[in-house]
Amino acid sequence: MMKKFELIAPCHFGLEAVLKKEIIDLGYDITEVSDGRISFAGDADAVCRANIGLRTAERILIKVGSFHAETFEELYQGTKALPWEEFIPERGKFWVKKASSVKSKLFSPSDIQSIMKKAIVEKMKQSYHTDWFKEDAEDYPIRVFLMKDEVTVALDTTGDSLHKRGYRRLESKAPIAENLAAALVMLTPWRGDRILVDPFCGSGTFPIEAAMMAANIAPGMNRHFTAETWKHLITPQNWTDVRDEARDEIITDIETDIQGYDLDPEMVEIARINAKKAGVDHLIHFQARDIADLSHRKKYGFIITNPPYGERIGDQKELPALYKTIGERYKALDSWSMYLITGFEQAEKYIGKKADKNRKIYNGMIRTYFYQYMGPKPPKRTSN
C-alpha cells in the first residue's frame, strides 16, 4: 500500500475552479477549496501525476500538518509537534523557504521562518538522537501559510514553479505565465478542433499552451522536480511510470488551426523556437502581422489574447487607438468569440462593446480583467 498524503496545489486567485476540475479529471478527491489553493488526497503517484500533468497549478505541496498559533511560543510548539521524521531523513537539508501570513497575529516572515527552523531542528534531534545535522543530502524546502492564525505547514515537491514548463527559453517583455495562459484557455469553450488566433502572441504562450492541450502533452513532462530525490517517499519508478503514462497519452495525428501573430518579427522568431522546444511547432502558424490586418475567412473562431495595457510596452496614450482597432477587427470576424486579459480599465469602452462576462484575475500583483465576448455556437456537424 502506498502512503497517502494530503496534497496542496496553490494557483492564481480567481482560477480555483479550473484547477479543481483538473485535479478531479486526474482522478483525485478534493478535500478543501480555499482562496488560491486546492487540497486533495493522493499517494506517491499522485505527487508525480500532479507535478507532470496539472496545467494551472503553481506547485504541489505535501502537507505536514496544521495547528493554531497566535504567539511565537505556540508556533514553536506546534511546529515541533509535527511528524518531521516521517518526511525528512537525518541528512536532509531543510529550511522554511517561504512564509506568508494573512489576517494573523504573527506576520513577520523572517521571524516565522527562523522560529520554525529552530523547532524542526529540536524535533529532529529527538527523533534521530543527535545534536548535529550535516544537512548535506537532498533539499526539503518548507512552505508555511498563516490564515486567521491557522498555520499550514507543507513540503514543496516542485522546486521551480510549475509555470516553468521548460520550453520558454526566450521571453517577450511582459510574458503571461504559462499556467495562467492555460487556465484562461480552459475558461473558454475552445477545443483543439476549433480555430484559435492570438494577435499579440509575444513569445507564443497562448498558442503553445493551446497546442499542448490539443495534443494532450503533459506540461511538466520535460522538467525536473525537487521531490525526485526523495526516494524514501517517492521512488524513481513512480516518476518513470508517470512519465511513460504521459508519453503514451500524447495524440500525434491531429490537425489544428492555431495562429500567433505579433508586430515584431523577432518576437515571432522567438515564439517559433519556444514552440519547437515544446514539441508543437507543427501545430501552430506564427506570422509577423499587425492587429489592423487581422482577418480570417472561416467562421466560429476564437481570439484569445493578452494585448498591451500600458504596464509595459510603450505608452498609455496609444491604448485607446489600439483597443479601438481590436474592436473593429473583432466586429469584422463573422460569428467569432473573443477572450482577452488586460489591465486597461477602459478596454470595453474602446472595443465598443460590453463583454458578456468579465472576471477579475490577479496576474502577479497586477489586477487584470478577463473579458469574454461569446460568439454563437457552430451548428452541430452531421455525420454521414
Protein backbone atom coordinates (compact mmCIF):
# COMPACT_ATOMS: atom_id res chain seq x y z
CA MET A 1 0.00 0.00 0.00
CA MET A 2 1.35 3.37 -0.96
CA LYS A 3 1.41 6.03 1.75
CA LYS A 4 -1.42 8.57 1.45
CA PHE A 5 -0.66 12.29 1.60
CA GLU A 6 -2.75 15.39 1.81
CA LEU A 7 -1.57 17.45 -1.15
CA ILE A 8 -1.98 21.20 -1.61
CA ALA A 9 -1.92 22.89 -5.02
CA PRO A 10 -1.69 26.72 -4.97
CA CYS A 11 -2.95 28.61 -8.04
CA HIS A 12 -3.73 32.14 -9.28
CA PHE A 13 -6.52 33.86 -7.32
CA GLY A 14 -9.77 33.55 -9.24
CA LEU A 15 -8.82 30.32 -11.03
CA GLU A 16 -9.55 27.80 -8.26
CA ALA A 17 -12.48 26.23 -10.17
CA VAL A 18 -10.29 25.46 -13.20
CA LEU A 19 -7.64 23.73 -11.09
CA LYS A 20 -10.27 21.85 -9.09
CA LYS A 21 -11.69 20.37 -12.31
CA GLU A 22 -8.19 19.39 -13.47
CA ILE A 23 -7.49 17.52 -10.22
CA ILE A 24 -10.84 15.70 -10.41
CA ASP A 25 -10.06 14.78 -14.04
CA LEU A 26 -6.76 13.25 -12.85
CA GLY A 27 -8.89 11.05 -10.60
CA TYR A 28 -8.26 12.52 -7.14
CA ASP A 29 -10.66 13.57 -4.37
CA ILE A 30 -10.74 17.23 -3.36
CA THR A 31 -10.53 17.70 0.43
CA GLU A 32 -10.64 21.51 0.64
CA VAL A 33 -11.02 24.59 -1.55
CA SER A 34 -9.75 27.95 -0.29
CA ASP A 35 -8.61 31.22 -1.90
CA GLY A 36 -5.74 30.42 -4.24
CA ARG A 37 -5.38 26.80 -3.04
CA ILE A 38 -6.93 23.38 -3.63
CA SER A 39 -6.21 20.43 -1.32
CA PHE A 40 -6.62 16.81 -2.38
CA ALA A 41 -5.75 13.31 -1.20
CA GLY A 42 -3.21 11.20 -3.06
CA ASP A 43 -0.27 8.80 -2.89
CA ALA A 44 3.28 8.97 -4.31
CA ASP A 45 1.95 8.53 -7.86
CA ALA A 46 -0.39 11.47 -7.28
CA VAL A 47 2.60 13.69 -6.44
CA CYS A 48 4.18 12.73 -9.78
CA ARG A 49 0.93 12.97 -11.78
CA ALA A 50 0.04 16.36 -10.32
CA ASN A 51 3.50 17.83 -10.98
CA ILE A 52 3.73 16.44 -14.50
CA GLY A 53 0.10 16.75 -15.53
CA LEU A 54 -1.55 19.82 -13.98
CA ARG A 55 -1.61 22.84 -16.29
CA THR A 56 -2.93 25.50 -13.92
CA ALA A 57 -1.24 24.83 -10.54
CA GLU A 58 1.74 26.79 -9.20
CA ARG A 59 3.32 23.89 -7.31
CA ILE A 60 2.45 20.71 -5.41
CA LEU A 61 2.97 20.63 -1.65
CA ILE A 62 2.76 17.70 0.77
CA LYS A 63 1.00 18.83 3.93
CA VAL A 64 2.98 18.02 7.07
CA GLY A 65 0.29 19.35 9.40
CA SER A 66 -1.63 22.37 10.67
CA PHE A 67 -2.30 23.99 14.02
CA HIS A 68 -3.48 27.23 15.65
CA ALA A 69 -0.87 29.80 16.72
CA GLU A 70 -1.22 33.36 17.93
CA THR A 71 2.17 33.62 19.67
CA PHE A 72 5.70 32.62 18.68
CA GLU A 73 5.69 30.08 21.54
CA GLU A 74 2.58 28.41 20.05
CA LEU A 75 4.22 28.49 16.63
CA TYR A 76 7.34 26.84 18.07
CA GLN A 77 5.47 24.12 19.96
CA GLY A 78 3.03 23.47 17.09
CA THR A 79 5.88 23.09 14.58
CA LYS A 80 7.87 20.86 16.96
CA ALA A 81 4.89 18.55 17.45
CA LEU A 82 4.67 17.71 13.71
CA PRO A 83 5.99 14.31 12.49
CA TRP A 84 9.09 15.66 10.71
CA GLU A 85 10.98 12.37 10.94
CA GLU A 86 8.38 10.79 8.61
CA PHE A 87 9.39 13.20 5.87
CA ILE A 88 12.95 14.46 6.33
CA PRO A 89 15.85 11.99 6.64
CA GLU A 90 18.72 12.65 9.03
CA ARG A 91 20.99 14.23 6.42
CA GLY A 92 18.27 16.12 4.54
CA LYS A 93 18.77 19.85 4.02
CA PHE A 94 15.69 21.68 5.27
CA TRP A 95 14.67 25.33 5.56
CA VAL A 96 11.47 27.39 5.58
CA LYS A 97 11.63 28.73 2.06
CA LYS A 98 8.54 30.91 2.24
CA ALA A 99 6.16 32.07 4.95
CA SER A 100 3.03 34.04 4.11
CA SER A 101 0.57 35.48 6.59
CA VAL A 102 -2.95 36.81 6.07
CA LYS A 103 -5.16 38.23 8.85
CA SER A 104 -2.96 36.61 11.53
CA LYS A 105 -1.28 37.90 14.66
CA LEU A 106 2.09 36.54 13.55
CA PHE A 107 3.07 38.26 10.34
CA SER A 108 6.84 38.74 10.10
CA PRO A 109 8.02 36.14 7.55
CA SER A 110 11.65 36.17 8.74
CA ASP A 111 10.67 35.60 12.39
CA ILE A 112 8.25 32.82 11.44
CA GLN A 113 10.98 31.20 9.33
CA SER A 114 13.71 31.25 11.98
CA ILE A 115 11.45 30.08 14.84
CA MET A 116 10.12 27.19 12.77
CA LYS A 117 13.62 26.15 11.72
CA LYS A 118 14.67 26.01 15.39
CA ALA A 119 11.59 23.95 16.26
CA ILE A 120 12.22 21.46 13.44
CA VAL A 121 15.88 21.06 14.47
CA GLU A 122 14.78 20.33 18.07
CA LYS A 123 12.28 17.71 16.88
CA MET A 124 14.86 16.08 14.62
CA LYS A 125 17.41 15.96 17.45
CA GLN A 126 14.91 13.93 19.48
CA SER A 127 13.94 11.70 16.57
CA TYR A 128 17.49 10.96 15.36
CA HIS A 129 19.23 11.11 18.79
CA THR A 130 21.89 13.50 17.56
CA ASP A 131 22.94 17.09 18.28
CA TRP A 132 24.38 17.83 14.88
CA PHE A 133 22.87 17.73 11.38
CA LYS A 134 25.14 17.79 8.38
CA GLU A 135 22.29 18.79 6.04
CA ASP A 136 24.42 17.66 3.10
CA ALA A 137 21.87 15.48 1.32
CA GLU A 138 18.62 16.22 -0.59
CA ASP A 139 16.71 19.51 -0.36
CA TYR A 140 13.48 19.70 1.62
CA PRO A 141 12.12 23.23 1.16
CA ILE A 142 9.23 24.01 3.54
CA ARG A 143 6.39 26.46 2.88
CA VAL A 144 4.06 27.80 5.51
CA PHE A 145 0.78 29.75 5.27
CA LEU A 146 -0.88 31.54 8.17
CA MET A 147 -4.54 32.34 7.62
CA LYS A 148 -6.52 33.79 10.55
CA ASP A 149 -3.97 32.27 12.96
CA GLU A 150 -4.28 28.79 11.42
CA VAL A 151 -0.81 27.58 10.42
CA THR A 152 -0.49 25.15 7.50
CA VAL A 153 2.94 23.60 7.04
CA ALA A 154 3.96 21.79 3.86
CA LEU A 155 6.94 20.42 1.94
CA ASP A 156 7.45 21.74 -1.59
CA THR A 157 7.78 18.83 -4.03
CA THR A 158 8.08 21.03 -7.12
CA GLY A 159 11.02 23.41 -6.93
CA ASP A 160 10.81 26.00 -9.73
CA SER A 161 7.16 26.99 -10.13
CA LEU A 162 5.11 24.70 -12.39
CA HIS A 163 4.58 27.50 -14.89
CA LYS A 164 8.20 26.87 -15.90
CA ARG A 165 7.47 24.11 -18.38
CA GLY A 166 10.96 24.17 -19.79
CA TYR A 167 10.01 25.30 -23.31
CA ARG A 168 10.30 29.04 -22.83
CA ARG A 169 13.96 29.73 -23.40
CA LEU A 170 13.26 33.24 -24.59
CA GLU A 171 10.69 35.73 -23.40
CA SER A 172 8.83 38.78 -24.54
CA LYS A 173 8.91 41.99 -22.48
CA ALA A 174 5.82 41.06 -20.49
CA PRO A 175 5.08 37.39 -20.87
CA ILE A 176 1.99 35.83 -19.38
CA ALA A 177 2.77 32.88 -17.06
CA GLU A 178 2.20 29.54 -18.77
CA ASN A 179 -0.15 28.22 -16.07
CA LEU A 180 -2.24 31.41 -16.22
CA ALA A 181 -2.44 31.20 -20.03
CA ALA A 182 -3.52 27.55 -19.78
CA ALA A 183 -6.21 28.38 -17.21
CA LEU A 184 -7.60 31.20 -19.39
CA VAL A 185 -7.81 28.92 -22.43
CA MET A 186 -9.62 26.37 -20.23
CA LEU A 187 -12.15 29.04 -19.22
CA THR A 188 -13.24 29.31 -22.86
CA PRO A 189 -15.23 26.71 -24.83
CA TRP A 190 -12.29 26.38 -27.27
CA ARG A 191 -11.35 22.82 -28.21
CA GLY A 192 -8.47 21.52 -30.32
CA ASP A 193 -10.57 21.21 -33.46
CA ARG A 194 -11.63 24.89 -33.41
CA ILE A 195 -9.76 27.93 -34.75
CA LEU A 196 -7.63 29.95 -32.32
CA VAL A 197 -5.83 33.19 -33.10
CA ASP A 198 -3.66 35.25 -30.75
CA PRO A 199 -2.92 38.58 -32.47
CA PHE A 200 -0.50 39.67 -29.69
CA CYS A 201 1.31 36.38 -29.24
CA GLY A 202 4.64 37.68 -27.88
CA SER A 203 6.80 34.66 -27.08
CA GLY A 204 3.92 32.38 -28.05
CA THR A 205 2.50 31.29 -24.69
CA PHE A 206 -1.25 31.15 -25.57
CA PRO A 207 -0.80 29.28 -28.88
CA ILE A 208 1.77 26.90 -27.36
CA GLU A 209 -0.37 26.06 -24.30
CA ALA A 210 -3.42 25.55 -26.55
CA ALA A 211 -1.46 23.29 -28.91
CA MET A 212 -0.15 21.24 -25.96
CA MET A 213 -3.76 20.78 -24.82
CA ALA A 214 -4.87 19.78 -28.31
CA ALA A 215 -2.08 17.18 -28.49
CA ASN A 216 -2.60 16.15 -24.85
CA ILE A 217 1.05 16.84 -23.99
CA ALA A 218 1.57 16.92 -20.21
CA PRO A 219 3.07 20.30 -19.29
CA GLY A 220 5.70 19.00 -16.85
CA MET A 221 6.99 16.10 -18.92
CA ASN A 222 10.35 17.65 -19.76
CA ARG A 223 11.44 19.14 -16.46
CA HIS A 224 12.69 18.07 -13.06
CA PHE A 225 11.15 18.35 -9.60
CA THR A 226 12.66 18.68 -6.12
CA ALA A 227 10.88 15.53 -4.89
CA GLU A 228 12.66 13.33 -7.46
CA THR A 229 15.45 12.95 -4.88
CA TRP A 230 13.09 11.98 -2.03
CA LYS A 231 13.48 8.27 -2.70
CA HIS A 232 12.09 7.17 0.70
CA LEU A 233 8.76 8.88 -0.11
CA ILE A 234 8.52 8.65 -3.90
CA THR A 235 10.56 6.09 -5.83
CA PRO A 236 12.32 6.76 -9.15
CA GLN A 237 9.96 4.10 -10.55
CA ASN A 238 6.93 6.26 -9.63
CA TRP A 239 8.36 9.11 -11.74
CA THR A 240 9.30 6.84 -14.65
CA ASP A 241 5.87 5.20 -14.73
CA VAL A 242 4.02 8.52 -14.71
CA ARG A 243 6.27 10.00 -17.43
CA ASP A 244 5.73 6.89 -19.59
CA GLU A 245 1.99 7.11 -18.99
CA ALA A 246 2.04 10.78 -20.08
CA ARG A 247 4.05 9.93 -23.21
CA ASP A 248 1.56 7.23 -24.19
CA GLU A 249 -1.31 9.68 -23.96
CA ILE A 250 0.06 12.19 -26.49
CA ILE A 251 -2.13 12.44 -29.59
CA THR A 252 0.23 12.63 -32.54
CA ASP A 253 -2.04 12.68 -35.59
CA ILE A 254 -4.09 15.83 -35.05
CA GLU A 255 -4.81 18.77 -37.26
CA THR A 256 -5.17 22.20 -35.72
CA ASP A 257 -5.79 25.76 -36.81
CA ILE A 258 -3.84 27.72 -34.20
CA GLN A 259 -2.21 31.01 -35.18
CA GLY A 260 0.01 33.50 -33.40
CA TYR A 261 0.68 36.98 -34.75
CA ASP A 262 2.93 39.71 -33.46
CA LEU A 263 4.02 43.04 -34.89
CA ASP A 264 7.66 42.32 -34.02
CA PRO A 265 9.33 39.78 -36.37
CA GLU A 266 11.95 39.00 -33.72
CA MET A 267 9.17 38.03 -31.28
CA VAL A 268 7.67 35.74 -33.91
CA GLU A 269 11.05 34.03 -34.29
CA ILE A 270 11.26 33.55 -30.50
CA ALA A 271 7.72 32.12 -30.44
CA ARG A 272 8.71 29.61 -33.15
CA ILE A 273 11.78 28.50 -31.17
CA ASN A 274 9.68 28.07 -28.00
CA ALA A 275 7.00 26.10 -29.89
CA LYS A 276 9.67 23.78 -31.28
CA LYS A 277 11.05 23.18 -27.77
CA ALA A 278 7.52 22.36 -26.59
CA GLY A 279 7.14 19.89 -29.46
CA VAL A 280 4.17 21.71 -31.04
CA ASP A 281 5.75 23.83 -33.79
CA HIS A 282 3.96 21.73 -36.45
CA LEU A 283 0.59 22.64 -34.90
CA ILE A 284 0.95 26.45 -34.90
CA HIS A 285 1.31 29.02 -37.65
CA PHE A 286 3.27 32.10 -36.48
CA GLN A 287 3.46 35.27 -38.52
CA ALA A 288 4.58 38.91 -38.18
CA ARG A 289 1.35 40.80 -38.59
CA ASP A 290 -0.34 43.96 -37.33
CA ILE A 291 -3.64 43.76 -35.43
CA ALA A 292 -5.08 46.06 -38.10
CA ASP A 293 -4.64 43.22 -40.61
CA LEU A 294 -6.45 40.61 -38.55
CA SER A 295 -8.92 38.63 -40.63
CA HIS A 296 -9.92 35.01 -41.23
CA ARG A 297 -12.15 33.54 -43.88
CA LYS A 298 -13.67 30.88 -41.62
CA LYS A 299 -16.43 31.32 -39.05
CA TYR A 300 -16.72 30.38 -35.37
CA GLY A 301 -13.10 31.03 -34.43
CA PHE A 302 -11.62 32.27 -31.15
CA ILE A 303 -9.38 35.20 -30.37
CA ILE A 304 -7.59 34.51 -27.08
CA THR A 305 -5.02 37.16 -26.25
CA ASN A 306 -3.13 39.33 -23.79
CA PRO A 307 -2.89 42.72 -25.53
CA PRO A 308 -0.62 45.51 -24.27
CA TYR A 309 -2.13 47.50 -21.43
CA GLY A 310 0.37 50.21 -20.72
CA GLU A 311 2.05 48.43 -17.81
CA ARG A 312 4.96 47.75 -20.04
CA ILE A 313 5.04 48.31 -23.77
CA GLY A 314 5.18 51.95 -24.74
CA ASP A 315 2.58 54.32 -23.54
CA GLN A 316 -0.90 54.60 -22.13
CA LYS A 317 -1.55 57.17 -24.87
CA GLU A 318 -1.62 54.57 -27.61
CA LEU A 319 -4.09 52.28 -25.86
CA PRO A 320 -7.43 53.86 -26.93
CA ALA A 321 -6.50 53.60 -30.62
CA LEU A 322 -5.19 50.07 -30.16
CA TYR A 323 -8.35 48.81 -28.41
CA LYS A 324 -10.50 50.57 -30.98
CA THR A 325 -8.67 48.59 -33.69
CA ILE A 326 -9.18 45.36 -31.71
CA GLY A 327 -12.92 46.15 -31.57
CA GLU A 328 -13.12 46.87 -35.30
CA ARG A 329 -11.23 43.72 -36.32
CA TYR A 330 -13.35 41.58 -33.99
CA LYS A 331 -16.55 43.06 -35.38
CA ALA A 332 -15.44 42.15 -38.90
CA LEU A 333 -14.96 38.49 -37.96
CA ASP A 334 -18.25 36.73 -38.54
CA SER A 335 -19.54 34.73 -35.54
CA TRP A 336 -16.24 34.65 -33.65
CA SER A 337 -15.66 34.71 -29.87
CA MET A 338 -13.04 36.90 -28.21
CA TYR A 339 -11.35 36.44 -24.84
CA LEU A 340 -8.82 38.97 -23.66
CA ILE A 341 -6.97 39.57 -20.42
CA THR A 342 -5.95 43.16 -19.78
CA GLY A 343 -5.27 45.66 -17.02
CA PHE A 344 -6.58 48.51 -19.18
CA GLU A 345 -9.67 49.70 -17.29
CA GLN A 346 -11.34 51.26 -20.35
CA ALA A 347 -10.93 48.27 -22.64
CA GLU A 348 -14.69 47.75 -23.20
CA LYS A 349 -15.26 51.43 -23.92
CA TYR A 350 -12.75 51.49 -26.79
CA ILE A 351 -13.55 47.99 -28.07
CA GLY A 352 -17.01 49.48 -28.47
CA LYS A 353 -18.90 46.59 -26.95
CA LYS A 354 -19.59 45.36 -23.44
CA ALA A 355 -18.22 41.90 -22.67
CA ASP A 356 -20.75 39.11 -21.99
CA LYS A 357 -18.71 38.11 -18.96
CA ASN A 358 -15.87 39.66 -17.08
CA ARG A 359 -13.66 38.00 -14.48
CA LYS A 360 -11.19 39.67 -12.14
CA ILE A 361 -7.86 37.84 -12.09
CA TYR A 362 -4.59 38.76 -10.41
CA ASN A 363 -1.70 38.42 -12.82
CA GLY A 364 1.12 38.60 -10.28
CA MET A 365 0.29 41.75 -8.35
CA ILE A 366 -1.50 43.40 -11.25
CA ARG A 367 -5.27 43.36 -11.19
CA THR A 368 -6.47 42.36 -14.63
CA TYR A 369 -9.82 41.56 -16.22
CA PHE A 370 -10.65 38.62 -18.43
CA TYR A 371 -13.20 40.00 -20.88
CA GLN A 372 -15.30 37.32 -22.56
CA TYR A 373 -17.18 38.02 -25.77
CA MET A 374 -19.17 34.92 -26.69
CA GLY A 375 -19.89 34.21 -30.32
CA PRO A 376 -22.65 31.84 -31.41
CA LYS A 377 -22.10 28.09 -31.19
CA PRO A 378 -21.28 26.44 -34.52
CA PRO A 379 -24.02 24.20 -35.97
CA LYS A 380 -23.79 20.53 -35.00
CA ARG A 381 -21.76 18.58 -37.50
CA THR A 382 -23.80 15.94 -39.24
CA SER A 383 -22.08 12.60 -39.51
CA ASN A 384 -22.59 10.89 -42.83
